[in-house]
Every structure is written in structure tokens, then in C-alpha cells.
Amino acid sequence: MRTLRVLGLLAVGLLALGASAHASSYPGWADTGWAFVDKSDCCEAAIVWAQEDSMERCAMSGGLPNPRFGMRRGKCKWEWRQDAWGRRIYRCYSEASIHCR
């Protein structure tokens, strides 16, 4: 009986090790283009789009994206310029990673 319990624990450990070996994350990227007049809205959109891109890359590789575990929020880089009416418009870039299993 004790031998079966030890073998069972060993099997569960090996399965867990094998499952974690395949888990990873796929970086996603986003570029909003010159479309926002508010910098925080621009960065928020870029980060969300980068997270969505990461999830799509995970799914295309045959994985299952899990945004609740191991999500890296993402960083935002931005540029601004003036449009024809003198308003500032922003372009944001982002990279983010979602856990993929």
C-alpha cells in the first residue's frame, strides 16, 4: 500500500514537472498610430492591445492563454506631435506578456 502511494506521488510530481516545462509566455506588441489626444488613453490602449496580441500568439502556438496568472502589465513608450488644429496627438507603443500553458 505504501509503495502505491509513493508511486502515485511520483507520477503526480512528474506530470506537474512536465506541465510546467511547457508553460511560457509569448510577448505581444502594439502600436496605436497617431490616433489619441489623451496620453493616458493612448498608453492604456497600447498595453491592452499588446496583451491581446500576446494571447493570440499563445493560442496560435497551441497554448491556452491565462491572463490571471503570470501577466506582465506592459510598458508604454509614446511620442507626440501637433495636428492641423494645434492639438497634441499621441502615438503609443507597448510590449506585454501573458502566461501561456
Protein backbone atom coordinates (compact mmCIF):
# COMPACT_ATOMS: atom_id res chain seq x y z
CA MET A 1 0.00 0.00 0.00
CA ARG A 2 2.82 2.39 0.87
CA THR A 3 4.56 1.58 -2.43
CA LEU A 4 1.42 2.52 -4.38
CA ARG A 5 1.20 5.83 -2.52
CA VAL A 6 4.86 6.62 -3.27
CA LEU A 7 4.42 5.69 -6.93
CA GLY A 8 1.28 7.84 -7.11
CA LEU A 9 3.09 10.85 -5.66
CA LEU A 10 5.99 10.29 -8.02
CA ALA A 11 3.62 10.15 -11.02
CA VAL A 12 1.86 13.36 -9.94
CA GLY A 13 5.23 15.07 -9.49
CA LEU A 14 6.40 14.02 -12.94
CA LEU A 15 3.15 15.22 -14.52
CA ALA A 16 3.44 18.57 -12.77
CA LEU A 17 7.05 18.90 -13.89
CA GLY A 18 6.11 18.08 -17.48
CA ALA A 19 3.22 20.55 -17.46
CA SER A 20 5.32 23.38 -16.11
CA ALA A 21 8.05 22.72 -18.67
CA HIS A 22 5.63 23.63 -21.48
CA ALA A 23 4.29 26.77 -19.80
CA SER A 24 5.76 30.01 -21.09
CA SER A 25 4.75 33.45 -22.23
CA TYR A 26 4.71 34.99 -25.66
CA PRO A 27 5.48 38.70 -25.93
CA GLY A 28 2.92 40.81 -27.74
CA TRP A 29 3.39 44.24 -29.29
CA ALA A 30 1.14 47.14 -30.19
CA ASP A 31 1.40 50.48 -31.98
CA THR A 32 -1.62 52.79 -31.80
CA GLY A 33 -0.63 55.09 -34.61
CA TRP A 34 -1.36 58.82 -34.37
CA ALA A 35 -4.89 58.40 -33.06
CA PHE A 36 -5.17 59.74 -29.50
CA VAL A 37 -5.44 63.21 -28.00
CA ASP A 38 -5.03 61.89 -24.43
CA LYS A 39 -1.70 60.30 -23.48
CA SER A 40 -3.08 58.03 -20.74
CA ASP A 41 -5.82 56.70 -23.06
CA CYS A 42 -3.17 56.10 -25.71
CA CYS A 43 -0.93 54.12 -23.34
CA GLU A 44 -3.84 52.15 -21.91
CA ALA A 45 -4.96 51.14 -25.41
CA ALA A 46 -1.42 50.16 -26.43
CA ILE A 47 -0.99 47.97 -23.34
CA VAL A 48 -4.36 46.25 -23.80
CA TRP A 49 -3.65 45.65 -27.49
CA ALA A 50 -0.21 44.22 -26.66
CA GLN A 51 -1.80 41.87 -24.11
CA GLU A 52 -4.33 40.76 -26.72
CA ASP A 53 -1.50 40.19 -29.22
CA SER A 54 0.33 38.06 -26.63
CA MET A 55 -2.81 35.96 -26.06
CA GLU A 56 -3.27 35.48 -29.81
CA ARG A 57 0.36 34.34 -30.19
CA CYS A 58 -0.13 31.85 -27.35
CA ALA A 59 -3.31 30.47 -28.92
CA MET A 60 -1.68 30.23 -32.38
CA SER A 61 1.11 28.14 -30.84
CA GLY A 62 -1.46 25.68 -29.50
CA GLY A 63 -1.38 27.00 -25.94
CA LEU A 64 -4.07 28.31 -23.65
CA PRO A 65 -3.61 31.94 -22.54
CA ASN A 66 -4.16 32.56 -18.85
CA PRO A 67 -4.23 36.32 -18.14
CA ARG A 68 -4.91 35.79 -14.41
CA PHE A 69 -1.58 34.05 -13.81
CA GLY A 70 1.79 35.48 -14.70
CA MET A 71 0.67 38.56 -16.62
CA ARG A 72 3.22 41.27 -17.17
CA ARG A 73 1.27 44.51 -17.47
CA GLY A 74 3.43 46.06 -20.13
CA LYS A 75 5.36 49.24 -20.68
CA CYS A 76 4.32 52.20 -22.75
CA LYS A 77 6.51 54.43 -24.89
CA TRP A 78 4.94 57.43 -26.52
CA GLU A 79 5.54 60.27 -28.94
CA TRP A 80 3.55 63.40 -29.56
CA ARG A 81 3.14 65.98 -32.30
CA GLN A 82 0.69 68.71 -33.19
CA ASP A 83 -2.14 68.14 -35.61
CA ALA A 84 -3.51 70.69 -38.09
CA TRP A 85 -5.58 72.40 -35.34
CA GLY A 86 -2.63 72.76 -32.95
CA ARG A 87 -3.71 69.95 -30.61
CA ARG A 88 -1.26 67.38 -29.30
CA ILE A 89 -1.82 63.92 -30.67
CA TYR A 90 -0.09 60.82 -29.35
CA ARG A 91 1.28 57.61 -30.74
CA CYS A 92 2.00 54.83 -28.23
CA TYR A 93 3.99 51.60 -28.39
CA SER A 94 3.77 48.76 -25.92
CA GLU A 95 5.01 45.26 -25.18
CA ALA A 96 3.26 42.86 -22.79
CA SER A 97 3.32 39.16 -21.94
CA ILE A 98 0.52 36.84 -20.86
CA HIS A 99 1.19 33.46 -19.27
CA CYS A 100 0.62 30.61 -21.72
CA ARG A 101 0.14 26.97 -20.79
